[in-house]
């Protein structure tokens, strides 16, 4: 399995190297071709985990895969990396993933830290999270949540409408039954996060200078 994973990632990385950078804020998003989108999605999924054995993954199987793999393409400040022995991926609000999320990442690690999933109800509890998925159930208090997290180095992700424009960092988009994402680079950099150029290349849009919104 390790050899299969190595070969798979090598092949998809070639595609990444050939990809053009995504369009910055302004203008219409540029979409990947279907073969490219699928290849990149499974590159982010990684081979040995995240329901790779499922022939028909659900929307939230794919989003769970992205959440795990965002951790491999984002660099946190050293003070954050040293603060905990775990790499925590948290879900705030209603959980659309269910127990499959926990099962899929069981035994996985990122940069030598065991990956764990935590469900939280208050944004104040997200301080120890590396990645926070904000459920659509929290849309009504999104401004409050993002304000609470403003001084932290938590990577915020959601599928709430206009999330990236409203100050979130990564927003999932579903188009033609395919999961894609856009990035608010300014907000991520403000939090001290460094996003890999590979990750930015496969985002449909990379936004700059969008720090907040309604």
Protein backbone atom coordinates (compact mmCIF):
# COMPACT_ATOMS: atom_id res chain seq x y z
CA UNK A 1 0.00 0.00 0.00
CA UNK A 2 2.84 2.40 0.78
CA UNK A 3 4.25 1.91 -2.73
CA UNK A 4 0.83 2.49 -4.29
CA UNK A 5 0.47 5.70 -2.29
CA UNK A 6 3.93 6.91 -3.34
CA UNK A 7 3.26 6.29 -7.02
CA UNK A 8 -0.20 7.85 -6.86
CA UNK A 9 0.99 11.07 -5.26
CA UNK A 10 3.95 11.33 -7.63
CA UNK A 11 1.60 11.14 -10.62
CA UNK A 12 -0.80 13.75 -9.34
CA UNK A 13 2.03 16.06 -8.33
CA UNK A 14 3.09 16.16 -11.98
CA UNK A 15 -0.37 17.46 -12.79
CA UNK A 16 -0.03 20.06 -10.08
CA UNK A 17 3.26 21.30 -11.47
CA UNK A 18 1.61 21.84 -14.84
CA UNK A 19 -1.40 23.62 -13.39
CA UNK A 20 -1.65 27.36 -13.87
CA UNK A 21 -2.08 29.55 -10.79
CA UNK A 22 -5.69 30.29 -9.88
CA UNK A 23 -7.22 33.65 -10.60
CA UNK A 24 -6.94 36.20 -7.81
CA UNK A 25 -9.90 38.25 -6.54
CA UNK A 26 -11.78 39.89 -9.37
CA UNK A 27 -13.13 38.23 -12.47
CA UNK A 28 -14.84 34.89 -12.76
CA UNK A 29 -13.40 31.77 -11.09
CA UNK A 30 -11.39 29.51 -13.37
CA UNK A 31 -12.44 25.87 -13.11
CA UNK A 32 -10.35 22.76 -13.47
CA UNK A 33 -11.18 20.25 -16.17
CA UNK A 34 -12.95 17.16 -14.85
CA UNK A 35 -9.88 14.84 -15.08
CA UNK A 36 -7.71 17.49 -13.44
CA UNK A 37 -10.23 18.13 -10.68
CA UNK A 38 -10.53 14.44 -9.89
CA UNK A 39 -6.77 13.91 -9.91
CA UNK A 40 -6.13 16.85 -7.63
CA UNK A 41 -8.94 15.87 -5.29
CA UNK A 42 -7.49 12.42 -4.81
CA UNK A 43 -4.01 13.86 -4.42
CA UNK A 44 -5.36 15.84 -1.48
CA UNK A 45 -7.17 12.78 -0.21
CA UNK A 46 -3.90 10.83 -0.04
CA UNK A 47 -3.98 7.10 -0.85
CA UNK A 48 -4.04 5.10 2.34
CA UNK A 49 -6.89 6.83 4.15
CA UNK A 50 -10.09 8.78 3.88
CA UNK A 51 -12.40 6.22 2.26
CA UNK A 52 -10.21 5.67 -0.79
CA UNK A 53 -11.81 2.21 -0.93
CA UNK A 54 -15.28 3.68 -1.48
CA UNK A 55 -16.33 3.79 -5.11
CA UNK A 56 -18.99 6.43 -4.49
CA UNK A 57 -17.90 8.74 -1.66
CA UNK A 58 -20.50 11.18 -0.40
CA UNK A 59 -20.08 14.95 -0.47
CA UNK A 60 -19.00 14.96 3.16
CA UNK A 61 -16.65 12.02 2.69
CA UNK A 62 -14.81 14.20 0.17
CA UNK A 63 -14.94 17.26 2.42
CA UNK A 64 -13.58 15.21 5.33
CA UNK A 65 -10.75 14.12 3.06
CA UNK A 66 -9.96 17.70 2.19
CA UNK A 67 -9.98 18.74 5.85
CA UNK A 68 -7.42 16.09 6.71
CA UNK A 69 -5.22 16.93 3.75
CA UNK A 70 -5.37 20.69 4.22
CA UNK A 71 -3.23 19.91 7.26
CA UNK A 72 -0.52 18.60 4.94
CA UNK A 73 -0.48 21.75 2.80
CA UNK A 74 -0.60 24.43 5.51
CA UNK A 75 2.21 25.49 7.84
CA UNK A 76 1.39 26.80 11.32
CA UNK A 77 3.59 29.06 13.47
CA UNK A 78 6.14 27.10 15.51
CA UNK A 79 4.49 28.13 18.78
CA UNK A 80 1.27 26.43 17.65
CA UNK A 81 3.05 23.28 16.49
CA UNK A 82 4.76 22.90 19.85
CA UNK A 83 1.66 23.54 21.94
CA UNK A 84 -0.02 20.12 21.65
CA UNK A 85 0.87 16.51 21.01
CA UNK A 86 -2.22 16.15 18.80
CA UNK A 87 -3.28 17.61 15.48
CA UNK A 88 -6.92 18.51 16.15
CA UNK A 89 -9.53 18.92 13.45
CA UNK A 90 -12.64 20.39 15.04
CA UNK A 91 -16.26 20.70 13.98
CA UNK A 92 -18.24 23.63 15.38
CA UNK A 93 -22.02 23.23 15.43
CA UNK A 94 -24.09 20.54 13.78
CA UNK A 95 -21.91 17.67 12.60
CA UNK A 96 -22.56 16.72 8.94
CA UNK A 97 -19.77 14.12 8.88
CA UNK A 98 -20.84 11.62 11.53
CA UNK A 99 -18.66 8.80 12.90
CA UNK A 100 -17.19 8.07 9.47
CA UNK A 101 -14.88 11.05 9.90
CA UNK A 102 -13.31 9.53 13.01
CA UNK A 103 -13.00 6.11 11.41
CA UNK A 104 -11.36 7.45 8.30
CA UNK A 105 -8.52 9.26 10.06
CA UNK A 106 -7.96 6.61 12.73
CA UNK A 107 -4.22 6.02 13.02
CA UNK A 108 -3.30 8.94 10.76
CA UNK A 109 -0.73 11.59 11.67
CA UNK A 110 0.47 14.93 10.31
CA UNK A 111 4.05 16.04 10.98
CA UNK A 112 4.42 13.38 13.63
CA UNK A 113 1.27 14.32 15.55
CA UNK A 114 -1.73 12.03 15.86
CA UNK A 115 -4.80 13.44 14.11
CA UNK A 116 -7.96 13.61 16.24
CA UNK A 117 -11.46 14.89 15.55
CA UNK A 118 -13.26 17.02 18.14
CA UNK A 119 -16.81 18.37 18.19
CA UNK A 120 -17.22 21.72 19.92
CA UNK A 121 -20.15 24.02 20.61
CA UNK A 122 -18.41 27.32 21.35
CA UNK A 123 -15.78 29.17 19.28
CA UNK A 124 -13.86 29.81 22.50
CA UNK A 125 -13.13 26.07 22.59
CA UNK A 126 -11.34 26.21 19.22
CA UNK A 127 -8.06 27.62 20.54
CA UNK A 128 -6.44 24.17 20.53
CA UNK A 129 -7.75 23.26 17.06
CA UNK A 130 -5.49 23.39 14.02
CA UNK A 131 -8.42 23.23 11.60
CA UNK A 132 -11.97 24.29 12.40
CA UNK A 133 -14.90 23.34 10.19
CA UNK A 134 -17.76 25.76 10.89
CA UNK A 135 -21.06 24.05 10.21
CA UNK A 136 -23.84 25.73 8.26
CA UNK A 137 -25.87 25.60 11.48
CA UNK A 138 -23.66 28.47 12.72
CA UNK A 139 -24.27 30.87 9.85
CA UNK A 140 -26.34 33.21 11.98
CA UNK A 141 -23.42 33.86 14.32
CA UNK A 142 -20.57 33.62 11.82
CA UNK A 143 -19.39 37.20 12.38
CA UNK A 144 -19.14 36.55 16.13
CA UNK A 145 -17.28 33.27 15.59
CA UNK A 146 -14.69 34.77 13.25
CA UNK A 147 -14.19 37.72 15.61
CA UNK A 148 -13.52 35.29 18.46
CA UNK A 149 -10.90 33.49 16.37
CA UNK A 150 -9.26 36.65 15.02
CA UNK A 151 -6.17 36.45 17.25
CA UNK A 152 -5.64 32.71 16.82
CA UNK A 153 -3.88 30.60 14.19
CA UNK A 154 -6.83 28.32 13.48
CA UNK A 155 -7.49 27.44 9.83
CA UNK A 156 -11.20 28.13 9.33
CA UNK A 157 -13.13 26.10 6.76
CA UNK A 158 -16.83 26.03 5.91
CA UNK A 159 -19.39 25.53 3.20
CA UNK A 160 -21.45 28.51 4.38
CA UNK A 161 -22.36 30.78 1.46
CA UNK A 162 -19.85 33.62 0.87
CA UNK A 163 -17.66 32.27 3.69
CA UNK A 164 -14.37 33.39 2.11
CA UNK A 165 -15.75 36.84 1.33
CA UNK A 166 -16.97 37.16 4.93
CA UNK A 167 -13.55 36.53 6.47
CA UNK A 168 -13.25 32.74 6.49
CA UNK A 169 -10.11 31.14 5.08
CA UNK A 170 -11.26 28.20 2.93
CA UNK A 171 -14.76 27.81 1.52
CA UNK A 172 -16.06 24.59 0.00
CA UNK A 173 -18.07 24.91 -3.20
CA UNK A 174 -20.10 22.16 -4.84
CA UNK A 175 -20.55 22.48 -8.57
CA UNK A 176 -21.85 19.77 -10.89
CA UNK A 177 -21.55 17.26 -8.05
CA UNK A 178 -17.87 18.08 -7.55
CA UNK A 179 -16.38 19.57 -4.40
CA UNK A 180 -14.02 22.49 -4.93
CA UNK A 181 -12.75 25.26 -2.72
CA UNK A 182 -11.67 28.88 -2.72
CA UNK A 183 -9.14 30.56 -0.43
CA UNK A 184 -9.02 33.90 1.36
CA UNK A 185 -5.25 34.25 1.45
CA UNK A 186 -5.21 37.56 3.30
CA UNK A 187 -7.14 36.15 6.25
CA UNK A 188 -4.94 33.05 6.42
CA UNK A 189 -1.74 35.09 6.34
CA UNK A 190 -3.10 37.44 9.00
CA UNK A 191 -3.45 34.37 11.26
CA UNK A 192 0.20 33.47 10.66
CA UNK A 193 -0.56 30.54 8.35
CA UNK A 194 1.46 29.68 5.26
CA UNK A 195 -0.49 27.94 2.52
CA UNK A 196 1.44 25.78 0.09
CA UNK A 197 1.66 26.98 -3.49
CA UNK A 198 0.35 23.55 -4.50
CA UNK A 199 -2.80 24.17 -2.51
CA UNK A 200 -3.28 27.62 -4.01
CA UNK A 201 -2.85 26.27 -7.53
CA UNK A 202 -5.89 24.02 -7.20
CA UNK A 203 -8.18 26.56 -5.51
CA UNK A 204 -10.84 27.90 -7.85
CA UNK A 205 -10.28 31.43 -6.50
CA UNK A 206 -7.56 32.94 -4.32
CA UNK A 207 -8.88 36.08 -2.65
CA UNK A 208 -6.77 38.92 -1.32
CA UNK A 209 -7.66 41.91 0.84
CA UNK A 210 -10.99 40.36 1.96
CA UNK A 211 -10.67 40.39 5.75
CA UNK A 212 -14.27 40.61 6.86
CA UNK A 213 -17.85 40.96 5.81
CA UNK A 214 -21.41 40.74 7.02
